[in-house]
Structures are given as structure tokens and as C-alpha cells.
Amino acid sequence: MIDNANAAAIISAGMFHLKEKLGVLDTETFIAALRNEHFDYTEWRRENMCAGMSLREINDAAAEFAVAHPRPPIRGERG
């Protein structure tokens, strides 16, 4: 079951980061393109993001990324 409060917080954080990196117009274009193309992120990730990597390599890359890019607090989150 999806935790709606957590999902809303993740969506909010994702939109914040998209707007920070792409700007408002390109964020809207990105979202429209995903919706129009019926984009399957899981399939894309399998085919592009981690192609040829072992689970150990994926885990190591994720751990390195997490250290280099700590998650900012989500509005309303208690720390």
C-alpha cells in the first residue's frame, strides 16, 4: 500500500529538484514528454542506466552518490 503522505513528500522534493536543475519551462516539457510517451522508468532504467553493471557495481555507485549528494530535508519533515 502506498503511503500518500510519503508519496506527496517525494513528489514535492522531485518537483523542487527538477525546477532547480531544468527551470519551470523545461520541467513542464519533461513531464509532458513522459506522459505523452507512456514512459516506463523501470524499463528505461534496466536498458540504459545500469546496463552491464553487476548488483555490486550498482550498489557501490548508489552508495557513492548518496555520500556525495545528501538528501535535503523535506518540508514538514521532523529531523
Protein backbone atom coordinates (compact mmCIF):
# COMPACT_ATOMS: atom_id res chain seq x y z
CA MET A 1 0.00 0.00 0.00
CA ILE A 2 1.29 3.45 -0.92
CA ASP A 3 1.78 5.92 1.92
CA ASN A 4 0.12 9.00 0.41
CA ALA A 5 1.88 11.44 2.75
CA ASN A 6 5.28 9.98 1.88
CA ALA A 7 4.43 9.90 -1.84
CA ALA A 8 3.38 13.57 -1.70
CA ALA A 9 6.66 14.48 0.01
CA ILE A 10 8.70 12.61 -2.59
CA ILE A 11 6.77 14.22 -5.46
CA SER A 12 7.28 17.64 -3.88
CA ALA A 13 11.03 17.06 -3.48
CA GLY A 14 11.28 15.72 -7.04
CA MET A 15 9.48 18.72 -8.50
CA PHE A 16 11.71 21.05 -6.49
CA HIS A 17 14.85 19.41 -7.90
CA LEU A 18 13.52 19.32 -11.45
CA LYS A 19 12.71 23.03 -11.31
CA GLU A 20 16.10 23.81 -9.75
CA LYS A 21 18.01 21.92 -12.46
CA LEU A 22 15.79 22.43 -15.52
CA GLY A 23 13.77 25.55 -14.80
CA VAL A 24 9.99 25.74 -14.92
CA LEU A 25 9.53 25.51 -18.70
CA ASP A 26 11.85 22.53 -19.22
CA THR A 27 10.31 20.78 -16.19
CA GLU A 28 6.88 21.13 -17.78
CA THR A 29 8.28 19.86 -21.10
CA PHE A 30 9.87 16.89 -19.34
CA ILE A 31 6.64 15.92 -17.59
CA ALA A 32 4.58 16.33 -20.77
CA ALA A 33 7.03 14.16 -22.71
CA LEU A 34 6.84 11.41 -20.08
CA ARG A 35 3.05 11.44 -20.14
CA ASN A 36 2.76 11.57 -23.93
CA GLU A 37 5.22 8.75 -24.50
CA HIS A 38 3.81 6.50 -21.74
CA PHE A 39 7.34 6.37 -20.37
CA ASP A 40 8.24 3.27 -18.34
CA TYR A 41 11.00 4.36 -15.98
CA THR A 42 11.70 0.81 -14.78
CA GLU A 43 12.23 -0.42 -18.33
CA TRP A 44 14.36 2.62 -19.21
CA ARG A 45 16.49 2.12 -16.12
CA ARG A 46 17.10 -1.53 -16.96
CA GLU A 47 18.06 -0.74 -20.54
CA ASN A 48 20.07 2.43 -20.01
CA MET A 49 21.08 3.34 -16.52
CA CYS A 50 22.52 0.11 -15.21
CA ALA A 51 23.14 -1.87 -18.40
CA GLY A 52 26.10 -4.19 -18.00
CA MET A 53 26.55 -3.45 -14.29
CA SER A 54 26.57 -6.09 -11.59
CA LEU A 55 24.45 -5.65 -8.48
CA ARG A 56 27.63 -4.90 -6.53
CA GLU A 57 28.58 -2.14 -9.01
CA ILE A 58 25.09 -0.64 -8.84
CA ASN A 59 25.14 -0.74 -5.04
CA ASP A 60 28.62 0.83 -4.88
CA ALA A 61 27.61 3.59 -7.32
CA ALA A 62 24.43 4.30 -5.31
CA ALA A 63 26.39 4.46 -2.05
CA GLU A 64 28.92 6.87 -3.57
CA PHE A 65 26.12 9.05 -4.94
CA ALA A 66 24.35 9.12 -1.56
CA VAL A 67 27.52 10.32 0.18
CA ALA A 68 28.21 12.98 -2.47
CA HIS A 69 24.56 14.15 -2.67
CA PRO A 70 22.90 14.11 0.76
CA ARG A 71 19.11 14.41 0.60
CA PRO A 72 17.84 17.84 1.63
CA PRO A 73 15.14 17.85 4.30
CA ILE A 74 11.58 17.63 3.01
CA ARG A 75 9.28 20.43 4.12
CA GLY A 76 7.44 19.37 7.26
CA GLU A 77 9.82 16.50 7.95
CA ARG A 78 10.94 16.10 11.51
CA GLY A 79 14.60 15.50 11.95
